[in-house]
Amino acid sequence: MAINKIIKFNLEEHANKLKAQGLSDYKIAEELSKIAGVKITRSTVYRYFSSNHDPVIQHVKHREEIVTKAINGRIDAVQQLIAINNETLRILEEAKAAGDLKTALKAIERIEKQLELQAKLLGDIQETPTTLIWNIVKVGDASAENY
């Protein structure tokens, strides 16, 4: 079921105020269209008021759906990362057993990159740059005595 445009564009408060003023569904649709910058029909307003007796609950439900989708997507990414790690470890073990040092080193490099990615995904590594400030003082400068 598609979410009502009034909820989608966070117009619930405006819609409820206009309804309280006694405006018709048609007039409410016109006003909300101006505010949102998109066409909102009289039937959208009618459906909103007839099916959304508590717009706050409807809005919260919509937000919960978005959060659930985001969490599931992150879990899928982590599961894929684990699968890649396991396969890389298997390749490393086979390469070591076969004495193929070149392939073993490539597998180790891949594992290092995977661990770094995993740490970034889990927030263990900050990607913000570090700023270093150096105070350089000339030897023999009178102000150097303060350092």
N, C-alpha and C. Protein backbone atom coordinates (compact mmCIF):
# COMPACT_ATOMS: atom_id res chain seq x y z
N MET A 1 0.84 -1.17 0.00
CA MET A 1 0.00 0.00 0.00
C MET A 1 0.89 1.25 0.00
N ALA A 2 0.63 2.15 -0.93
CA ALA A 2 1.42 3.38 -1.02
C ALA A 2 1.07 4.31 0.13
N ILE A 3 2.06 5.02 0.58
CA ILE A 3 1.83 5.95 1.68
C ILE A 3 1.15 7.20 1.13
N ASN A 4 0.21 7.71 1.88
CA ASN A 4 -0.53 8.90 1.50
C ASN A 4 0.44 10.08 1.37
N LYS A 5 0.24 10.90 0.33
CA LYS A 5 1.14 12.04 0.09
C LYS A 5 1.15 13.02 1.25
N ILE A 6 0.07 13.12 1.94
CA ILE A 6 0.01 14.04 3.09
C ILE A 6 1.01 13.59 4.16
N ILE A 7 1.10 12.29 4.37
CA ILE A 7 2.06 11.76 5.34
C ILE A 7 3.47 11.81 4.74
N LYS A 8 3.58 11.42 3.48
CA LYS A 8 4.87 11.37 2.80
C LYS A 8 5.59 12.72 2.83
N PHE A 9 4.85 13.81 2.67
CA PHE A 9 5.45 15.15 2.64
C PHE A 9 5.29 15.90 3.97
N ASN A 10 4.99 15.15 5.03
CA ASN A 10 4.89 15.73 6.39
C ASN A 10 3.91 16.90 6.45
N LEU A 11 2.73 16.71 5.88
CA LEU A 11 1.72 17.77 5.83
C LEU A 11 0.57 17.52 6.79
N GLU A 12 0.73 16.57 7.70
CA GLU A 12 -0.37 16.20 8.58
C GLU A 12 -0.87 17.38 9.41
N GLU A 13 0.04 18.12 9.99
CA GLU A 13 -0.35 19.25 10.84
C GLU A 13 -1.13 20.29 10.03
N HIS A 14 -0.63 20.60 8.83
CA HIS A 14 -1.33 21.56 7.97
C HIS A 14 -2.73 21.06 7.61
N ALA A 15 -2.80 19.78 7.23
CA ALA A 15 -4.08 19.20 6.85
C ALA A 15 -5.07 19.26 8.01
N ASN A 16 -4.61 18.90 9.20
CA ASN A 16 -5.50 18.91 10.37
C ASN A 16 -5.96 20.32 10.72
N LYS A 17 -5.08 21.31 10.60
CA LYS A 17 -5.46 22.71 10.87
C LYS A 17 -6.50 23.19 9.87
N LEU A 18 -6.28 22.88 8.59
CA LEU A 18 -7.22 23.30 7.56
C LEU A 18 -8.59 22.65 7.74
N LYS A 19 -8.57 21.37 8.13
CA LYS A 19 -9.83 20.66 8.38
C LYS A 19 -10.55 21.29 9.57
N ALA A 20 -9.78 21.64 10.60
CA ALA A 20 -10.37 22.27 11.79
C ALA A 20 -10.98 23.63 11.47
N GLN A 21 -10.46 24.30 10.44
CA GLN A 21 -10.99 25.59 10.01
C GLN A 21 -12.27 25.42 9.20
N GLY A 22 -12.61 24.16 8.88
CA GLY A 22 -13.85 23.89 8.16
C GLY A 22 -13.72 23.90 6.65
N LEU A 23 -12.47 23.89 6.13
CA LEU A 23 -12.28 23.87 4.69
C LEU A 23 -12.71 22.53 4.10
N SER A 24 -13.15 22.57 2.87
CA SER A 24 -13.54 21.34 2.17
C SER A 24 -12.29 20.57 1.78
N ASP A 25 -12.49 19.29 1.44
CA ASP A 25 -11.36 18.46 1.00
C ASP A 25 -10.69 19.07 -0.24
N TYR A 26 -11.50 19.65 -1.12
CA TYR A 26 -10.97 20.27 -2.34
C TYR A 26 -10.06 21.45 -1.98
N LYS A 27 -10.51 22.33 -1.09
CA LYS A 27 -9.72 23.50 -0.68
C LYS A 27 -8.45 23.06 0.07
N ILE A 28 -8.58 22.04 0.91
CA ILE A 28 -7.41 21.51 1.62
C ILE A 28 -6.39 20.99 0.62
N ALA A 29 -6.85 20.29 -0.40
CA ALA A 29 -5.96 19.76 -1.44
C ALA A 29 -5.23 20.89 -2.14
N GLU A 30 -5.94 21.98 -2.45
CA GLU A 30 -5.31 23.13 -3.11
C GLU A 30 -4.22 23.74 -2.23
N GLU A 31 -4.52 23.95 -0.96
CA GLU A 31 -3.56 24.56 -0.04
C GLU A 31 -2.34 23.66 0.17
N LEU A 32 -2.57 22.37 0.36
CA LEU A 32 -1.45 21.44 0.57
C LEU A 32 -0.58 21.33 -0.68
N SER A 33 -1.19 21.41 -1.85
CA SER A 33 -0.43 21.37 -3.11
C SER A 33 0.51 22.56 -3.20
N LYS A 34 0.03 23.73 -2.77
CA LYS A 34 0.87 24.94 -2.79
C LYS A 34 2.05 24.77 -1.83
N ILE A 35 1.78 24.25 -0.64
CA ILE A 35 2.83 24.09 0.37
C ILE A 35 3.88 23.08 -0.08
N ALA A 36 3.42 21.93 -0.58
CA ALA A 36 4.33 20.83 -0.93
C ALA A 36 5.01 21.01 -2.28
N GLY A 37 4.37 21.79 -3.16
CA GLY A 37 4.92 21.94 -4.50
C GLY A 37 4.65 20.75 -5.39
N VAL A 38 3.74 19.88 -4.97
CA VAL A 38 3.30 18.72 -5.77
C VAL A 38 1.78 18.67 -5.75
N LYS A 39 1.21 18.04 -6.74
CA LYS A 39 -0.24 17.94 -6.85
C LYS A 39 -0.80 16.98 -5.80
N ILE A 40 -1.69 17.48 -4.98
CA ILE A 40 -2.40 16.65 -4.01
C ILE A 40 -3.88 16.78 -4.35
N THR A 41 -4.51 15.66 -4.58
CA THR A 41 -5.90 15.67 -5.03
C THR A 41 -6.87 15.65 -3.86
N ARG A 42 -8.12 15.95 -4.19
CA ARG A 42 -9.18 15.91 -3.20
C ARG A 42 -9.34 14.50 -2.66
N SER A 43 -9.18 13.50 -3.52
CA SER A 43 -9.33 12.12 -3.08
C SER A 43 -8.19 11.72 -2.13
N THR A 44 -7.00 12.30 -2.31
CA THR A 44 -5.90 12.04 -1.38
C THR A 44 -6.25 12.56 0.01
N VAL A 45 -6.84 13.76 0.03
CA VAL A 45 -7.26 14.36 1.31
C VAL A 45 -8.36 13.51 1.94
N TYR A 46 -9.32 13.09 1.12
CA TYR A 46 -10.42 12.26 1.63
C TYR A 46 -9.88 10.95 2.23
N ARG A 47 -8.99 10.27 1.48
CA ARG A 47 -8.41 9.02 1.98
C ARG A 47 -7.61 9.24 3.26
N TYR A 48 -6.91 10.36 3.33
CA TYR A 48 -6.12 10.65 4.53
C TYR A 48 -7.04 10.75 5.75
N PHE A 49 -8.10 11.53 5.65
CA PHE A 49 -8.97 11.73 6.80
C PHE A 49 -9.84 10.51 7.11
N SER A 50 -10.16 9.71 6.10
CA SER A 50 -11.01 8.55 6.37
C SER A 50 -10.22 7.34 6.88
N SER A 51 -8.94 7.23 6.51
CA SER A 51 -8.20 6.04 6.92
C SER A 51 -7.11 6.31 7.95
N ASN A 52 -6.79 7.53 8.19
CA ASN A 52 -5.72 7.87 9.11
C ASN A 52 -6.27 8.64 10.30
N HIS A 53 -6.96 7.93 11.15
CA HIS A 53 -7.56 8.59 12.30
C HIS A 53 -6.49 9.13 13.24
N ASP A 54 -5.34 8.48 13.27
CA ASP A 54 -4.25 8.98 14.09
C ASP A 54 -3.01 9.11 13.19
N PRO A 55 -2.80 10.30 12.60
CA PRO A 55 -1.70 10.47 11.66
C PRO A 55 -0.33 10.26 12.28
N VAL A 56 -0.19 10.49 13.57
CA VAL A 56 1.11 10.29 14.23
C VAL A 56 1.50 8.81 14.18
N ILE A 57 0.54 7.93 14.46
CA ILE A 57 0.81 6.50 14.43
C ILE A 57 1.17 6.06 13.01
N GLN A 58 0.47 6.58 12.01
CA GLN A 58 0.77 6.23 10.62
C GLN A 58 2.19 6.69 10.23
N HIS A 59 2.55 7.88 10.68
CA HIS A 59 3.88 8.41 10.38
C HIS A 59 4.97 7.56 11.04
N VAL A 60 4.75 7.18 12.28
CA VAL A 60 5.72 6.35 13.01
C VAL A 60 5.86 4.99 12.32
N LYS A 61 4.75 4.40 11.89
CA LYS A 61 4.81 3.12 11.19
C LYS A 61 5.64 3.22 9.91
N HIS A 62 5.46 4.32 9.19
CA HIS A 62 6.23 4.52 7.96
C HIS A 62 7.72 4.61 8.27
N ARG A 63 8.09 5.35 9.31
CA ARG A 63 9.49 5.48 9.70
C ARG A 63 10.06 4.13 10.13
N GLU A 64 9.28 3.33 10.85
CA GLU A 64 9.73 2.01 11.28
C GLU A 64 10.03 1.12 10.07
N GLU A 65 9.21 1.22 9.04
CA GLU A 65 9.45 0.43 7.83
C GLU A 65 10.78 0.82 7.18
N ILE A 66 11.07 2.11 7.13
CA ILE A 66 12.32 2.59 6.54
C ILE A 66 13.52 2.08 7.34
N VAL A 67 13.44 2.18 8.66
CA VAL A 67 14.54 1.73 9.53
C VAL A 67 14.75 0.23 9.37
N THR A 68 13.68 -0.53 9.32
CA THR A 68 13.78 -1.99 9.16
C THR A 68 14.48 -2.34 7.85
N LYS A 69 14.11 -1.66 6.77
CA LYS A 69 14.77 -1.91 5.49
C LYS A 69 16.26 -1.58 5.55
N ALA A 70 16.60 -0.48 6.20
CA ALA A 70 18.01 -0.08 6.32
C ALA A 70 18.80 -1.10 7.13
N ILE A 71 18.23 -1.57 8.23
CA ILE A 71 18.92 -2.56 9.07
C ILE A 71 19.10 -3.87 8.30
N ASN A 72 18.07 -4.32 7.62
CA ASN A 72 18.18 -5.56 6.86
C ASN A 72 19.23 -5.46 5.77
N GLY A 73 19.32 -4.31 5.12
CA GLY A 73 20.34 -4.10 4.09
C GLY A 73 21.74 -4.16 4.67
N ARG A 74 21.93 -3.60 5.87
CA ARG A 74 23.24 -3.63 6.50
C ARG A 74 23.61 -5.04 6.91
N ILE A 75 22.64 -5.79 7.42
CA ILE A 75 22.90 -7.17 7.81
C ILE A 75 23.31 -7.99 6.59
N ASP A 76 22.62 -7.78 5.46
CA ASP A 76 22.97 -8.50 4.24
C ASP A 76 24.40 -8.18 3.82
N ALA A 77 24.81 -6.92 3.93
CA ALA A 77 26.16 -6.53 3.54
C ALA A 77 27.19 -7.20 4.45
N VAL A 78 26.92 -7.26 5.73
CA VAL A 78 27.84 -7.90 6.67
C VAL A 78 27.92 -9.41 6.38
N GLN A 79 26.79 -10.05 6.09
CA GLN A 79 26.80 -11.48 5.78
C GLN A 79 27.60 -11.76 4.51
N GLN A 80 27.47 -10.89 3.52
CA GLN A 80 28.25 -11.05 2.29
C GLN A 80 29.74 -10.89 2.58
N LEU A 81 30.07 -9.93 3.42
CA LEU A 81 31.47 -9.71 3.79
C LEU A 81 32.03 -10.94 4.49
N ILE A 82 31.27 -11.54 5.38
CA ILE A 82 31.71 -12.76 6.09
C ILE A 82 31.93 -13.90 5.09
N ALA A 83 31.03 -14.04 4.14
CA ALA A 83 31.18 -15.10 3.13
C ALA A 83 32.44 -14.89 2.30
N ILE A 84 32.72 -13.65 1.93
CA ILE A 84 33.93 -13.34 1.17
C ILE A 84 35.17 -13.64 2.01
N ASN A 85 35.13 -13.28 3.28
CA ASN A 85 36.25 -13.56 4.18
C ASN A 85 36.51 -15.06 4.27
N ASN A 86 35.46 -15.84 4.43
CA ASN A 86 35.61 -17.29 4.55
C ASN A 86 36.21 -17.89 3.28
N GLU A 87 35.76 -17.44 2.13
CA GLU A 87 36.28 -17.95 0.87
C GLU A 87 37.76 -17.57 0.70
N THR A 88 38.10 -16.34 1.08
CA THR A 88 39.49 -15.89 0.98
C THR A 88 40.39 -16.71 1.90
N LEU A 89 39.91 -17.00 3.10
CA LEU A 89 40.69 -17.84 4.03
C LEU A 89 40.89 -19.24 3.46
N ARG A 90 39.86 -19.79 2.81
CA ARG A 90 39.98 -21.10 2.20
C ARG A 90 41.05 -21.09 1.10
N ILE A 91 41.03 -20.04 0.27
CA ILE A 91 42.03 -19.91 -0.80
C ILE A 91 43.43 -19.80 -0.20
N LEU A 92 43.56 -19.03 0.87
CA LEU A 92 44.85 -18.88 1.53
C LEU A 92 45.37 -20.23 2.01
N GLU A 93 44.52 -21.00 2.66
CA GLU A 93 44.94 -22.31 3.17
C GLU A 93 45.35 -23.25 2.04
N GLU A 94 44.60 -23.25 0.95
CA GLU A 94 44.94 -24.10 -0.20
C GLU A 94 46.26 -23.66 -0.83
N ALA A 95 46.46 -22.35 -0.95
CA ALA A 95 47.69 -21.84 -1.55
C ALA A 95 48.89 -22.19 -0.68
N LYS A 96 48.74 -22.07 0.63
CA LYS A 96 49.85 -22.43 1.53
C LYS A 96 50.16 -23.92 1.44
N ALA A 97 49.11 -24.74 1.41
CA ALA A 97 49.30 -26.18 1.34
C ALA A 97 49.99 -26.59 0.03
N ALA A 98 49.69 -25.85 -1.04
CA ALA A 98 50.27 -26.17 -2.35
C ALA A 98 51.65 -25.52 -2.54
N GLY A 99 52.06 -24.70 -1.58
CA GLY A 99 53.34 -24.03 -1.70
C GLY A 99 53.30 -22.85 -2.67
N ASP A 100 52.11 -22.38 -3.02
CA ASP A 100 51.92 -21.25 -3.95
C ASP A 100 51.96 -19.95 -3.15
N LEU A 101 53.17 -19.47 -2.90
CA LEU A 101 53.34 -18.30 -2.05
C LEU A 101 52.77 -17.03 -2.66
N LYS A 102 52.82 -16.90 -3.97
CA LYS A 102 52.29 -15.71 -4.64
C LYS A 102 50.78 -15.59 -4.38
N THR A 103 50.05 -16.67 -4.57
CA THR A 103 48.62 -16.66 -4.32
C THR A 103 48.33 -16.47 -2.83
N ALA A 104 49.16 -17.07 -1.98
CA ALA A 104 48.97 -16.91 -0.54
C ALA A 104 49.12 -15.45 -0.14
N LEU A 105 50.11 -14.77 -0.67
CA LEU A 105 50.31 -13.35 -0.35
C LEU A 105 49.15 -12.49 -0.86
N LYS A 106 48.64 -12.82 -2.04
CA LYS A 106 47.48 -12.09 -2.57
C LYS A 106 46.27 -12.29 -1.66
N ALA A 107 46.09 -13.50 -1.17
CA ALA A 107 44.97 -13.79 -0.27
C ALA A 107 45.12 -13.01 1.04
N ILE A 108 46.34 -12.93 1.53
CA ILE A 108 46.60 -12.17 2.77
C ILE A 108 46.28 -10.69 2.54
N GLU A 109 46.69 -10.15 1.40
CA GLU A 109 46.38 -8.74 1.10
C GLU A 109 44.87 -8.52 1.03
N ARG A 110 44.15 -9.48 0.44
CA ARG A 110 42.70 -9.38 0.33
C ARG A 110 42.07 -9.42 1.73
N ILE A 111 42.57 -10.29 2.58
CA ILE A 111 42.04 -10.40 3.95
C ILE A 111 42.25 -9.08 4.70
N GLU A 112 43.44 -8.47 4.52
CA GLU A 112 43.70 -7.18 5.17
C GLU A 112 42.69 -6.13 4.72
N LYS A 113 42.42 -6.08 3.41
CA LYS A 113 41.45 -5.11 2.89
C LYS A 113 40.05 -5.39 3.43
N GLN A 114 39.69 -6.66 3.50
CA GLN A 114 38.37 -7.04 4.01
C GLN A 114 38.23 -6.66 5.48
N LEU A 115 39.28 -6.88 6.27
CA LEU A 115 39.24 -6.51 7.69
C LEU A 115 39.09 -5.00 7.86
N GLU A 116 39.78 -4.24 7.01
CA GLU A 116 39.66 -2.78 7.07
C GLU A 116 38.24 -2.35 6.72
N LEU A 117 37.67 -2.94 5.68
CA LEU A 117 36.30 -2.63 5.30
C LEU A 117 35.32 -2.98 6.41
N GLN A 118 35.50 -4.15 6.99
CA GLN A 118 34.63 -4.59 8.08
C GLN A 118 34.72 -3.61 9.25
N ALA A 119 35.92 -3.19 9.59
CA ALA A 119 36.10 -2.25 10.70
C ALA A 119 35.42 -0.92 10.40
N LYS A 120 35.51 -0.48 9.15
CA LYS A 120 34.83 0.76 8.76
C LYS A 120 33.32 0.62 8.87
N LEU A 121 32.79 -0.50 8.38
CA LEU A 121 31.34 -0.73 8.44
C LEU A 121 30.82 -0.76 9.88
N LEU A 122 31.62 -1.32 10.77
CA LEU A 122 31.21 -1.44 12.16
C LEU A 122 31.56 -0.20 12.98
N GLY A 123 32.20 0.79 12.34
CA GLY A 123 32.52 2.03 13.04
C GLY A 123 33.76 1.97 13.89
N ASP A 124 34.58 0.93 13.72
CA ASP A 124 35.82 0.81 14.50
C ASP A 124 36.93 1.70 13.95
N ILE A 125 36.82 2.11 12.68
CA ILE A 125 37.81 2.97 12.07
C ILE A 125 37.11 4.26 11.64
N GLN A 126 37.64 5.38 12.08
CA GLN A 126 37.12 6.69 11.69
C GLN A 126 37.72 7.06 10.34
N GLU A 127 36.90 7.59 9.44
CA GLU A 127 37.40 8.00 8.14
C GLU A 127 37.68 9.49 8.08
N THR A 128 37.56 10.17 9.21
CA THR A 128 37.83 11.60 9.23
C THR A 128 39.33 11.84 9.26
N PRO A 129 39.78 12.84 8.54
CA PRO A 129 41.22 13.09 8.52
C PRO A 129 41.71 13.60 9.87
N THR A 130 42.97 13.33 10.14
CA THR A 130 43.60 13.79 11.37
C THR A 130 44.45 15.00 11.03
N THR A 131 44.32 16.05 11.82
CA THR A 131 45.09 17.26 11.59
C THR A 131 46.22 17.32 12.59
N LEU A 132 47.42 17.48 12.10
CA LEU A 132 48.60 17.62 12.95
C LEU A 132 49.06 19.06 12.88
N ILE A 133 49.34 19.64 14.03
CA ILE A 133 49.83 21.02 14.08
C ILE A 133 51.25 20.99 14.62
N TRP A 134 52.15 21.53 13.87
CA TRP A 134 53.55 21.54 14.25
C TRP A 134 53.95 22.97 14.60
N ASN A 135 54.58 23.13 15.72
CA ASN A 135 55.16 24.41 16.09
C ASN A 135 56.65 24.34 15.81
N ILE A 136 57.08 25.13 14.86
CA ILE A 136 58.49 25.13 14.47
C ILE A 136 59.12 26.40 15.01
N VAL A 137 60.19 26.22 15.74
CA VAL A 137 60.87 27.34 16.38
C VAL A 137 62.31 27.34 15.91
N LYS A 138 62.77 28.51 15.49
CA LYS A 138 64.18 28.63 15.10
C LYS A 138 65.06 28.59 16.33
N VAL A 139 66.18 27.88 16.22
CA VAL A 139 67.13 27.81 17.31
C VAL A 139 67.76 29.18 17.48
N GLY A 140 67.84 29.64 18.68
CA GLY A 140 68.43 30.95 18.95
C GLY A 140 67.40 32.06 18.94
N ASP A 141 66.16 31.74 18.59
CA ASP A 141 65.09 32.73 18.61
C ASP A 141 64.70 32.98 20.05
N ALA A 142 64.49 34.23 20.41
CA ALA A 142 64.15 34.58 21.80
C ALA A 142 62.84 33.92 22.23
N SER A 143 61.91 33.75 21.29
CA SER A 143 60.63 33.14 21.66
C SER A 143 60.77 31.63 21.87
N ALA A 144 61.89 31.04 21.46
CA ALA A 144 62.09 29.59 21.62
C ALA A 144 62.28 29.22 23.06
N GLU A 145 62.68 30.17 23.89
CA GLU A 145 62.90 29.87 25.31
C GLU A 145 61.61 29.49 26.00
N ASN A 146 60.48 29.89 25.46
CA ASN A 146 59.18 29.56 26.06
C ASN A 146 58.76 28.12 25.78
N TYR A 147 59.44 27.47 24.87
CA TYR A 147 59.08 26.10 24.50
C TYR A 147 59.97 25.19 25.20
